[in-house]
Each structure stands twice: as C-alpha cells, then as structure tokens.
Amino acid sequence: MAQSLAKVCIHIIFSTKYRQPLIDDKIENDLHAYLGGICNELECLPIKVGGYVDHIHILCVLSRKIAIMDLLKEIKRGSSKWIKTQGREYEEFYWQDGYGIFSVNPTDLEVVIKYIGNQKAHHENKTFRTNTAVFSENIIWNMMSDMFGIDYFHRFIFIGLHVYSLYDDAIF
C-alpha cells in the first residue's frame, strides 16, 4: 500500500492593515485561540500562536491537503470576521494583504516557540520591521544561506508584498 508522508513546519507572520495596534488585551488570547482553531479545522496542527498589538505569528504543521495561499486566505478571512463581532471598536478591522511564511527545521522549533512566546518583550523597544529583520537575519536567512550556499541571500527581507534589501529601498 502506497503512503504519503509529510511534516512541514511553517512560521507564518502577518500584520493588521497599516500596522494599526488593534490587537488589544481584550481580544488577544481569544484571537490566538481562534487562529489555532482555524488551523486545526484545516488539518494544520498549531504548535504556537502569538503576536503583538499589530501582528500575528503562527507556528504550525502544514497539512498535505491545503495550499499555502488557501491556508492564509482562510486564516485571515475567518479571524477578521470573528474579530468584527467582538465589539464596535473592531468593526473596521482588517489584515494586511501580504504575509511572510517560512519553513522551520524541526530542530529549531523550540527557538521559534520561544520567539513567538516572547513577542511583548521583543517589542518593548523595537518596531515590527526592526524585529522581523533581526529574526530573519538571525534564523531564516542564515539557514537559507547554509542550505543553499547563497552568500547574498541574507541581504533581502520580505515586508508585505515587497522585497526590501537591507541596504537599499524596495527592489520589487
């Protein structure tokens, strides 16, 4: 009997529209639980969900049955609808159009879990963009450079739908 096996751990990052600080203490924990529930419904086992006032991090195991773009569409659509039911102050809530998604080596899961769990401390004195750059530089880009031997790869970072060089303006 043939069988298909896959275990692809992914780290998803996306923000509120215009990085507005709309994820407050009133909805934060319930939102994280709701996002984990959406992942479960789509057979993407949630490992850790967290974030800050203007963005979300989801670490999960990607199901073999769903494309990344469909997973993100369902996560954003479902959670946005839910947030808008949580009070008048959330009626105009929207997520940004873009997202970042990165595969995570199973040996690095604890590092990412800790990173997601410490978001408030990370952001006390840092902006979303600065923190994402530091995380990307230290974990993701170094792994990519090691895996593919690409020396220049670490210079680039994905922000929304644009790719920025750490040395120049948006390149596309």
Protein backbone atom coordinates (compact mmCIF):
# COMPACT_ATOMS: atom_id res chain seq x y z
CA MET A 1 0.00 0.00 0.00
CA ALA A 2 1.43 3.38 -1.01
CA GLN A 3 1.57 6.12 1.54
CA SER A 4 2.43 9.80 1.52
CA LEU A 5 4.26 11.29 4.45
CA ALA A 6 4.96 14.95 5.12
CA LYS A 7 5.88 17.07 8.11
CA VAL A 8 6.47 20.64 7.06
CA CYS A 9 6.59 23.07 9.95
CA ILE A 10 5.87 26.66 8.95
CA HIS A 11 6.12 30.04 10.65
CA ILE A 12 3.51 32.49 9.38
CA ILE A 13 3.71 36.23 10.10
CA PHE A 14 1.17 38.86 9.06
CA SER A 15 0.04 42.21 10.37
CA THR A 16 -3.01 44.34 10.79
CA LYS A 17 -3.75 46.73 7.95
CA TYR A 18 -1.34 49.69 8.11
CA ARG A 19 0.17 48.01 11.20
CA GLN A 20 -2.54 49.55 13.34
CA PRO A 21 -2.26 48.47 17.01
CA LEU A 22 -5.71 46.85 17.12
CA ILE A 23 -4.96 43.56 18.89
CA ASP A 24 -5.53 44.63 22.46
CA ASP A 25 -5.70 42.72 25.76
CA LYS A 26 -9.46 42.35 25.37
CA ILE A 27 -9.20 40.05 22.33
CA GLU A 28 -5.57 38.89 22.25
CA ASN A 29 -5.90 35.48 23.96
CA ASP A 30 -9.21 34.64 22.31
CA LEU A 31 -7.82 35.67 18.91
CA HIS A 32 -4.81 33.41 19.34
CA ALA A 33 -7.10 30.52 20.31
CA TYR A 34 -9.39 31.26 17.37
CA LEU A 35 -6.44 31.28 14.94
CA GLY A 36 -5.28 27.94 16.34
CA GLY A 37 -8.81 26.61 15.88
CA ILE A 38 -8.84 27.63 12.22
CA CYS A 39 -5.52 25.86 11.72
CA ASN A 40 -6.95 22.73 13.39
CA GLU A 41 -10.05 22.80 11.17
CA LEU A 42 -7.75 22.90 8.13
CA GLU A 43 -5.70 19.99 9.50
CA CYS A 44 -2.68 22.22 10.11
CA LEU A 45 -1.64 21.32 13.65
CA PRO A 46 -0.98 24.57 15.55
CA ILE A 47 2.18 24.49 17.64
CA LYS A 48 2.27 28.10 18.88
CA VAL A 49 0.20 31.20 18.15
CA GLY A 50 1.18 34.62 19.42
CA GLY A 51 1.97 38.13 18.36
CA TYR A 52 1.81 41.72 19.37
CA VAL A 53 -0.66 44.59 19.02
CA ASP A 54 -0.12 44.90 15.26
CA HIS A 55 0.84 41.43 14.02
CA ILE A 56 0.44 37.68 14.43
CA HIS A 57 2.83 34.73 14.44
CA ILE A 58 1.58 31.19 13.81
CA LEU A 59 3.82 28.14 14.02
CA CYS A 60 2.06 25.07 12.66
CA VAL A 61 2.49 21.85 10.74
CA LEU A 62 1.26 22.37 7.18
CA SER A 63 -1.34 19.83 6.05
CA ARG A 64 -0.69 17.94 2.82
CA LYS A 65 -4.27 18.82 1.85
CA ILE A 66 -4.07 22.61 1.60
CA ALA A 67 -2.06 25.11 -0.41
CA ILE A 68 -0.31 27.88 1.50
CA MET A 69 -2.34 30.62 -0.19
CA ASP A 70 -5.60 28.86 0.74
CA LEU A 71 -4.46 28.42 4.35
CA LEU A 72 -3.67 32.12 4.67
CA LYS A 73 -6.91 33.13 2.96
CA GLU A 74 -8.96 31.06 5.40
CA ILE A 75 -6.99 32.18 8.47
CA LYS A 76 -7.35 35.86 7.60
CA ARG A 77 -10.94 35.67 6.37
CA GLY A 78 -12.22 33.68 9.33
CA SER A 79 -10.37 35.62 12.01
CA SER A 80 -11.25 39.00 10.51
CA LYS A 81 -14.95 38.09 10.52
CA TRP A 82 -14.67 36.87 14.12
CA ILE A 83 -12.82 39.99 15.34
CA LYS A 84 -15.52 42.24 13.87
CA THR A 85 -18.08 40.52 16.12
CA GLN A 86 -16.12 41.29 19.29
CA GLY A 87 -17.22 44.89 19.70
CA ARG A 88 -17.82 48.15 17.92
CA GLU A 89 -14.15 49.12 18.21
CA TYR A 90 -13.28 46.22 15.89
CA GLU A 91 -15.88 46.78 13.17
CA GLU A 92 -13.27 48.25 10.81
CA PHE A 93 -10.63 45.59 11.48
CA TYR A 94 -8.64 44.28 8.51
CA TRP A 95 -5.46 42.28 7.99
CA GLN A 96 -2.72 43.41 5.59
CA ASP A 97 -2.77 41.83 2.14
CA GLY A 98 0.67 40.25 2.42
CA TYR A 99 2.33 37.77 4.74
CA GLY A 100 5.62 36.07 5.45
CA ILE A 101 5.84 32.29 5.61
CA PHE A 102 8.95 30.30 6.32
CA SER A 103 9.65 26.62 6.76
CA VAL A 104 11.17 25.72 10.12
CA ASN A 105 13.58 22.89 10.68
CA PRO A 106 12.12 20.61 13.39
CA THR A 107 15.37 21.01 15.34
CA ASP A 108 14.67 24.77 15.55
CA LEU A 109 11.06 24.52 16.78
CA GLU A 110 11.90 25.41 20.38
CA VAL A 111 13.71 28.57 19.26
CA VAL A 112 10.69 29.70 17.25
CA ILE A 113 8.25 28.74 20.03
CA LYS A 114 10.24 30.85 22.48
CA TYR A 115 10.46 33.72 19.99
CA ILE A 116 6.69 33.75 19.46
CA GLY A 117 6.02 33.44 23.19
CA ASN A 118 8.22 36.46 23.97
CA GLN A 119 6.69 38.91 21.49
CA LYS A 120 5.72 41.54 24.07
CA ALA A 121 9.24 41.66 25.46
CA HIS A 122 10.70 41.74 21.96
CA HIS A 123 8.59 44.74 21.01
CA GLU A 124 9.01 46.93 24.06
CA ASN A 125 11.71 48.92 22.29
CA LYS A 126 11.56 47.62 18.72
CA THR A 127 9.30 48.18 15.75
CA PHE A 128 7.70 45.29 13.83
CA ARG A 129 10.02 45.89 10.88
CA THR A 130 13.17 46.02 13.02
CA ASN A 131 12.21 42.89 14.93
CA THR A 132 11.31 40.99 11.77
CA ALA A 133 14.64 41.97 10.25
CA VAL A 134 16.54 40.77 13.31
CA PHE A 135 14.63 37.48 13.45
CA SER A 136 15.02 36.91 9.74
CA GLU A 137 18.70 37.73 9.77
CA ASN A 138 19.48 35.51 12.73
CA ILE A 139 17.37 32.46 11.90
CA ILE A 140 15.79 32.26 8.49
CA TRP A 141 18.32 33.84 6.18
CA ASN A 142 21.25 32.12 7.85
CA MET A 143 19.53 28.75 7.46
CA MET A 144 18.78 29.51 3.81
CA SER A 145 22.37 30.56 3.18
CA ASP A 146 23.64 27.40 4.85
CA MET A 147 21.20 25.16 2.99
CA PHE A 148 21.68 26.66 -0.46
CA GLY A 149 25.12 28.26 -0.17
CA ILE A 150 23.78 31.66 -1.19
CA ASP A 151 26.07 34.30 0.28
CA TYR A 152 23.95 37.31 -0.63
CA PHE A 153 20.56 35.91 0.43
CA HIS A 154 20.69 37.49 3.89
CA ARG A 155 20.58 41.00 2.41
CA PHE A 156 16.92 40.69 1.47
CA ILE A 157 13.80 40.71 3.58
CA PHE A 158 10.15 40.34 2.68
CA ILE A 159 7.84 43.06 4.02
CA GLY A 160 4.22 42.71 2.96
CA LEU A 161 4.23 42.15 -0.78
CA HIS A 162 7.54 43.95 -1.35
CA VAL A 163 11.06 42.66 -1.14
CA TYR A 164 13.44 45.08 0.54
CA SER A 165 17.18 44.96 0.53
CA LEU A 166 18.70 45.68 3.91
CA TYR A 167 20.96 48.11 2.03
CA ASP A 168 18.59 49.73 -0.49
CA ASP A 169 14.93 50.64 -0.98
CA ALA A 170 12.29 48.21 -2.23
CA ILE A 171 13.62 46.21 -5.15
CA PHE A 172 10.28 44.75 -6.30
